[in-house]
Amino acid sequence: MAGVIQVGRPVNRTLDDGTMLEVTRLCTDGTPNACSFLYARAAIIARTLGYKKIITYIMDSETGASLRASGWQKEADTKGKPWNNGSRKRNTNTPTCDKQRWSKELN
């Protein structure tokens, strides 16, 4: 095994319309092209399951080369912020830096 990818419903509830999935984790052992392979395979499986779009977020410091290589396109820049707010106190253990949202249409 060279890597693993985790896909689920979009974390942002405003994007969770039932037609898209989100890659929430991707990890490899450094095998060349493993990231591109996993992104492409996730899109194929999502299409097979009837989804119309797949998205993921990467840190702003990343290039997105693996996503570009597997046919994804940069969709938006997002501002990082903690999940904590006045009505819901939450501890944030994930990076709160600015990120890029990438997507692939699954027509």
N, C-alpha and C. Protein backbone atom coordinates (compact mmCIF):
# COMPACT_ATOMS: atom_id res chain seq x y z
N MET A 1 0.84 -1.17 0.00
CA MET A 1 0.00 0.00 0.00
C MET A 1 0.89 1.24 0.00
N ALA A 2 0.57 2.18 -0.86
CA ALA A 2 1.35 3.41 -0.98
C ALA A 2 0.64 4.62 -0.40
N GLY A 3 -0.68 4.53 -0.21
CA GLY A 3 -1.41 5.68 0.31
C GLY A 3 -2.85 5.36 0.60
N VAL A 4 -3.51 6.34 1.18
CA VAL A 4 -4.92 6.20 1.54
C VAL A 4 -5.61 7.54 1.34
N ILE A 5 -6.89 7.49 0.96
CA ILE A 5 -7.69 8.70 0.80
C ILE A 5 -9.01 8.51 1.51
N GLN A 6 -9.47 9.56 2.18
CA GLN A 6 -10.74 9.52 2.90
C GLN A 6 -11.69 10.53 2.27
N VAL A 7 -12.88 10.08 1.93
CA VAL A 7 -13.87 10.92 1.25
C VAL A 7 -15.18 10.82 2.01
N GLY A 8 -15.87 11.96 2.12
CA GLY A 8 -17.17 11.98 2.80
C GLY A 8 -18.00 13.16 2.36
N ARG A 9 -19.05 13.44 3.11
CA ARG A 9 -19.89 14.59 2.82
C ARG A 9 -19.09 15.86 3.10
N PRO A 10 -19.37 16.95 2.38
CA PRO A 10 -18.65 18.20 2.63
C PRO A 10 -18.77 18.66 4.08
N VAL A 11 -17.66 19.08 4.64
CA VAL A 11 -17.63 19.57 6.02
C VAL A 11 -18.43 20.87 6.13
N ASN A 12 -18.32 21.75 5.14
CA ASN A 12 -19.08 22.99 5.11
C ASN A 12 -20.53 22.66 4.79
N ARG A 13 -21.41 22.85 5.77
CA ARG A 13 -22.80 22.42 5.58
C ARG A 13 -23.52 23.18 4.48
N THR A 14 -23.05 24.37 4.11
CA THR A 14 -23.69 25.09 3.01
C THR A 14 -23.38 24.45 1.66
N LEU A 15 -22.32 23.65 1.59
CA LEU A 15 -21.98 22.94 0.36
C LEU A 15 -22.56 21.53 0.32
N ASP A 16 -23.10 21.06 1.42
CA ASP A 16 -23.62 19.70 1.52
C ASP A 16 -25.03 19.63 0.95
N ASP A 17 -25.11 19.59 -0.37
CA ASP A 17 -26.41 19.58 -1.05
C ASP A 17 -26.80 18.19 -1.58
N GLY A 18 -26.00 17.19 -1.25
CA GLY A 18 -26.30 15.83 -1.68
C GLY A 18 -25.75 15.46 -3.04
N THR A 19 -25.12 16.42 -3.73
CA THR A 19 -24.60 16.14 -5.07
C THR A 19 -23.08 16.08 -5.11
N MET A 20 -22.42 16.37 -3.98
CA MET A 20 -20.95 16.38 -4.00
C MET A 20 -20.36 15.68 -2.79
N LEU A 21 -19.10 15.29 -2.96
CA LEU A 21 -18.32 14.69 -1.89
C LEU A 21 -17.07 15.53 -1.68
N GLU A 22 -16.43 15.34 -0.52
CA GLU A 22 -15.21 16.07 -0.20
C GLU A 22 -14.11 15.10 0.23
N VAL A 23 -12.93 15.28 -0.34
CA VAL A 23 -11.75 14.56 0.13
C VAL A 23 -11.32 15.26 1.42
N THR A 24 -11.37 14.54 2.54
CA THR A 24 -11.02 15.14 3.82
C THR A 24 -9.62 14.77 4.28
N ARG A 25 -9.07 13.68 3.78
CA ARG A 25 -7.71 13.27 4.14
C ARG A 25 -7.07 12.56 2.96
N LEU A 26 -5.77 12.77 2.80
CA LEU A 26 -4.98 12.03 1.82
C LEU A 26 -3.59 11.88 2.42
N CYS A 27 -3.09 10.66 2.42
CA CYS A 27 -1.77 10.39 2.99
C CYS A 27 -1.07 9.34 2.13
N THR A 28 0.21 9.59 1.83
CA THR A 28 0.99 8.61 1.07
C THR A 28 2.35 8.41 1.75
N ASP A 29 3.05 7.40 1.29
CA ASP A 29 4.40 7.15 1.80
C ASP A 29 5.46 7.84 0.95
N GLY A 30 5.04 8.71 0.04
CA GLY A 30 5.97 9.42 -0.83
C GLY A 30 6.17 8.77 -2.19
N THR A 31 5.46 7.69 -2.47
CA THR A 31 5.55 7.04 -3.78
C THR A 31 5.19 8.05 -4.87
N PRO A 32 6.01 8.17 -5.91
CA PRO A 32 5.72 9.12 -6.99
C PRO A 32 4.33 8.91 -7.59
N ASN A 33 3.62 10.00 -7.79
CA ASN A 33 2.30 10.03 -8.43
C ASN A 33 1.18 9.39 -7.61
N ALA A 34 1.44 8.98 -6.39
CA ALA A 34 0.41 8.34 -5.57
C ALA A 34 -0.73 9.31 -5.27
N CYS A 35 -0.41 10.56 -4.98
CA CYS A 35 -1.46 11.54 -4.68
C CYS A 35 -2.37 11.75 -5.89
N SER A 36 -1.78 11.95 -7.05
CA SER A 36 -2.57 12.14 -8.28
C SER A 36 -3.44 10.93 -8.55
N PHE A 37 -2.89 9.73 -8.36
CA PHE A 37 -3.64 8.50 -8.58
C PHE A 37 -4.85 8.45 -7.65
N LEU A 38 -4.65 8.75 -6.37
CA LEU A 38 -5.73 8.67 -5.40
C LEU A 38 -6.81 9.72 -5.66
N TYR A 39 -6.41 10.95 -6.01
CA TYR A 39 -7.41 11.97 -6.34
C TYR A 39 -8.24 11.54 -7.56
N ALA A 40 -7.57 11.02 -8.59
CA ALA A 40 -8.28 10.57 -9.79
C ALA A 40 -9.22 9.41 -9.48
N ARG A 41 -8.74 8.45 -8.68
CA ARG A 41 -9.56 7.28 -8.34
C ARG A 41 -10.78 7.69 -7.51
N ALA A 42 -10.60 8.63 -6.58
CA ALA A 42 -11.73 9.10 -5.77
C ALA A 42 -12.80 9.74 -6.65
N ALA A 43 -12.37 10.50 -7.67
CA ALA A 43 -13.33 11.13 -8.58
C ALA A 43 -14.08 10.08 -9.40
N ILE A 44 -13.39 9.06 -9.85
CA ILE A 44 -14.04 8.00 -10.63
C ILE A 44 -15.09 7.28 -9.78
N ILE A 45 -14.74 6.96 -8.56
CA ILE A 45 -15.68 6.27 -7.67
C ILE A 45 -16.87 7.16 -7.34
N ALA A 46 -16.62 8.45 -7.09
CA ALA A 46 -17.72 9.38 -6.80
C ALA A 46 -18.68 9.47 -7.97
N ARG A 47 -18.13 9.54 -9.20
CA ARG A 47 -18.98 9.57 -10.39
C ARG A 47 -19.80 8.29 -10.50
N THR A 48 -19.17 7.15 -10.26
CA THR A 48 -19.86 5.87 -10.32
C THR A 48 -21.02 5.81 -9.33
N LEU A 49 -20.85 6.44 -8.18
CA LEU A 49 -21.89 6.47 -7.15
C LEU A 49 -22.98 7.51 -7.42
N GLY A 50 -22.83 8.28 -8.50
CA GLY A 50 -23.86 9.22 -8.90
C GLY A 50 -23.65 10.66 -8.46
N TYR A 51 -22.50 10.98 -7.88
CA TYR A 51 -22.23 12.36 -7.46
C TYR A 51 -21.84 13.21 -8.67
N LYS A 52 -22.10 14.51 -8.56
CA LYS A 52 -21.85 15.44 -9.66
C LYS A 52 -20.53 16.19 -9.53
N LYS A 53 -19.98 16.25 -8.30
CA LYS A 53 -18.79 17.06 -8.07
C LYS A 53 -18.04 16.51 -6.86
N ILE A 54 -16.72 16.71 -6.86
CA ILE A 54 -15.89 16.35 -5.72
C ILE A 54 -14.98 17.53 -5.42
N ILE A 55 -14.78 17.82 -4.13
CA ILE A 55 -13.97 18.97 -3.73
C ILE A 55 -12.93 18.54 -2.70
N THR A 56 -11.94 19.39 -2.50
CA THR A 56 -10.98 19.22 -1.42
C THR A 56 -10.35 20.57 -1.13
N TYR A 57 -9.71 20.66 0.01
CA TYR A 57 -9.01 21.87 0.42
C TYR A 57 -7.54 21.54 0.64
N ILE A 58 -6.67 22.45 0.22
CA ILE A 58 -5.25 22.32 0.52
C ILE A 58 -4.78 23.62 1.14
N MET A 59 -3.69 23.55 1.89
CA MET A 59 -3.14 24.76 2.48
C MET A 59 -2.64 25.69 1.39
N ASP A 60 -2.72 26.98 1.65
CA ASP A 60 -2.33 27.98 0.66
C ASP A 60 -0.86 27.84 0.25
N SER A 61 -0.07 27.25 1.11
CA SER A 61 1.36 27.08 0.81
C SER A 61 1.64 25.92 -0.15
N GLU A 62 0.63 25.09 -0.43
CA GLU A 62 0.82 23.94 -1.33
C GLU A 62 0.57 24.37 -2.78
N THR A 63 1.17 23.65 -3.72
CA THR A 63 1.09 24.03 -5.14
C THR A 63 -0.14 23.50 -5.86
N GLY A 64 -0.69 22.39 -5.41
CA GLY A 64 -1.82 21.78 -6.11
C GLY A 64 -1.41 20.96 -7.32
N ALA A 65 -0.14 20.63 -7.45
CA ALA A 65 0.35 19.90 -8.63
C ALA A 65 -0.35 18.56 -8.81
N SER A 66 -0.57 17.82 -7.74
CA SER A 66 -1.23 16.52 -7.84
C SER A 66 -2.69 16.67 -8.28
N LEU A 67 -3.33 17.71 -7.79
CA LEU A 67 -4.72 17.96 -8.19
C LEU A 67 -4.80 18.34 -9.66
N ARG A 68 -3.93 19.24 -10.08
CA ARG A 68 -3.89 19.64 -11.51
C ARG A 68 -3.64 18.44 -12.40
N ALA A 69 -2.70 17.59 -11.97
CA ALA A 69 -2.34 16.41 -12.77
C ALA A 69 -3.50 15.44 -12.92
N SER A 70 -4.43 15.44 -11.97
CA SER A 70 -5.56 14.52 -12.05
C SER A 70 -6.84 15.21 -12.52
N GLY A 71 -6.70 16.41 -13.10
CA GLY A 71 -7.83 17.06 -13.75
C GLY A 71 -8.69 17.95 -12.87
N TRP A 72 -8.26 18.27 -11.68
CA TRP A 72 -9.00 19.16 -10.79
C TRP A 72 -8.66 20.61 -11.13
N GLN A 73 -9.52 21.53 -10.71
CA GLN A 73 -9.29 22.95 -10.94
C GLN A 73 -9.46 23.73 -9.64
N LYS A 74 -8.62 24.75 -9.49
CA LYS A 74 -8.76 25.61 -8.31
C LYS A 74 -10.06 26.38 -8.43
N GLU A 75 -10.86 26.34 -7.37
CA GLU A 75 -12.18 26.94 -7.39
C GLU A 75 -12.25 28.24 -6.58
N ALA A 76 -11.53 28.30 -5.45
CA ALA A 76 -11.63 29.47 -4.58
C ALA A 76 -10.49 29.50 -3.58
N ASP A 77 -10.23 30.69 -3.06
CA ASP A 77 -9.34 30.86 -1.91
C ASP A 77 -10.24 31.08 -0.70
N THR A 78 -9.91 30.45 0.40
CA THR A 78 -10.71 30.59 1.62
C THR A 78 -9.84 31.12 2.75
N LYS A 79 -10.42 31.90 3.61
CA LYS A 79 -9.72 32.46 4.77
C LYS A 79 -9.80 31.47 5.92
N GLY A 80 -8.68 31.24 6.55
CA GLY A 80 -8.64 30.36 7.69
C GLY A 80 -9.24 31.01 8.93
N LYS A 81 -9.93 30.22 9.72
CA LYS A 81 -10.47 30.72 10.98
C LYS A 81 -10.77 29.53 11.89
N PRO A 82 -10.77 29.75 13.19
CA PRO A 82 -11.09 28.65 14.10
C PRO A 82 -12.58 28.33 14.05
N TRP A 83 -12.94 27.13 14.46
CA TRP A 83 -14.33 26.70 14.48
C TRP A 83 -15.07 27.26 15.70
N ASN A 84 -14.34 27.83 16.63
CA ASN A 84 -14.92 28.37 17.84
C ASN A 84 -15.68 29.66 17.53
N ASN A 85 -16.88 29.82 18.09
CA ASN A 85 -17.60 31.08 17.98
C ASN A 85 -18.40 31.31 19.27
N GLY A 86 -19.06 32.42 19.36
CA GLY A 86 -19.76 32.80 20.59
C GLY A 86 -20.77 31.79 21.08
N SER A 87 -21.52 31.19 20.18
CA SER A 87 -22.57 30.26 20.60
C SER A 87 -22.08 28.82 20.71
N ARG A 88 -20.92 28.51 20.11
CA ARG A 88 -20.39 27.14 20.18
C ARG A 88 -18.90 27.20 20.47
N LYS A 89 -18.53 26.86 21.67
CA LYS A 89 -17.11 26.82 22.03
C LYS A 89 -16.53 25.50 21.55
N ARG A 90 -15.47 25.59 20.74
CA ARG A 90 -14.83 24.39 20.20
C ARG A 90 -13.32 24.57 20.21
N ASN A 91 -12.63 23.50 20.46
CA ASN A 91 -11.17 23.49 20.33
C ASN A 91 -10.83 23.14 18.89
N THR A 92 -9.91 23.87 18.30
CA THR A 92 -9.50 23.61 16.92
C THR A 92 -8.13 22.93 16.94
N ASN A 93 -8.09 21.69 16.45
CA ASN A 93 -6.83 20.95 16.38
C ASN A 93 -6.29 20.88 14.95
N THR A 94 -7.01 21.44 14.01
CA THR A 94 -6.59 21.41 12.61
C THR A 94 -6.00 22.76 12.22
N PRO A 95 -5.23 22.83 11.13
CA PRO A 95 -4.66 24.11 10.72
C PRO A 95 -5.75 25.13 10.39
N THR A 96 -5.58 26.34 10.88
CA THR A 96 -6.56 27.41 10.61
C THR A 96 -6.01 28.44 9.64
N CYS A 97 -4.99 28.05 8.85
CA CYS A 97 -4.39 28.95 7.87
C CYS A 97 -5.32 29.11 6.65
N ASP A 98 -4.99 30.05 5.78
CA ASP A 98 -5.74 30.22 4.53
C ASP A 98 -5.58 28.95 3.69
N LYS A 99 -6.64 28.62 2.94
CA LYS A 99 -6.63 27.40 2.13
C LYS A 99 -7.15 27.69 0.74
N GLN A 100 -6.96 26.72 -0.14
CA GLN A 100 -7.49 26.76 -1.50
C GLN A 100 -8.51 25.63 -1.64
N ARG A 101 -9.66 25.93 -2.25
CA ARG A 101 -10.64 24.87 -2.54
C ARG A 101 -10.47 24.47 -4.01
N TRP A 102 -10.31 23.17 -4.24
CA TRP A 102 -10.18 22.60 -5.56
C TRP A 102 -11.38 21.71 -5.82
N SER A 103 -11.77 21.57 -7.08
CA SER A 103 -12.93 20.73 -7.41
C SER A 103 -12.76 20.06 -8.76
N LYS A 104 -13.59 19.06 -8.95
CA LYS A 104 -13.66 18.37 -10.24
C LYS A 104 -15.12 18.06 -10.52
N GLU A 105 -15.59 18.52 -11.66
CA GLU A 105 -16.95 18.19 -12.12
C GLU A 105 -16.96 16.75 -12.60
N LEU A 106 -17.99 16.02 -12.27
CA LEU A 106 -18.03 14.59 -12.56
C LEU A 106 -19.08 14.24 -13.61
N ASN A 107 -19.25 15.06 -14.61
CA ASN A 107 -20.27 14.83 -15.66
C ASN A 107 -20.04 13.56 -16.41
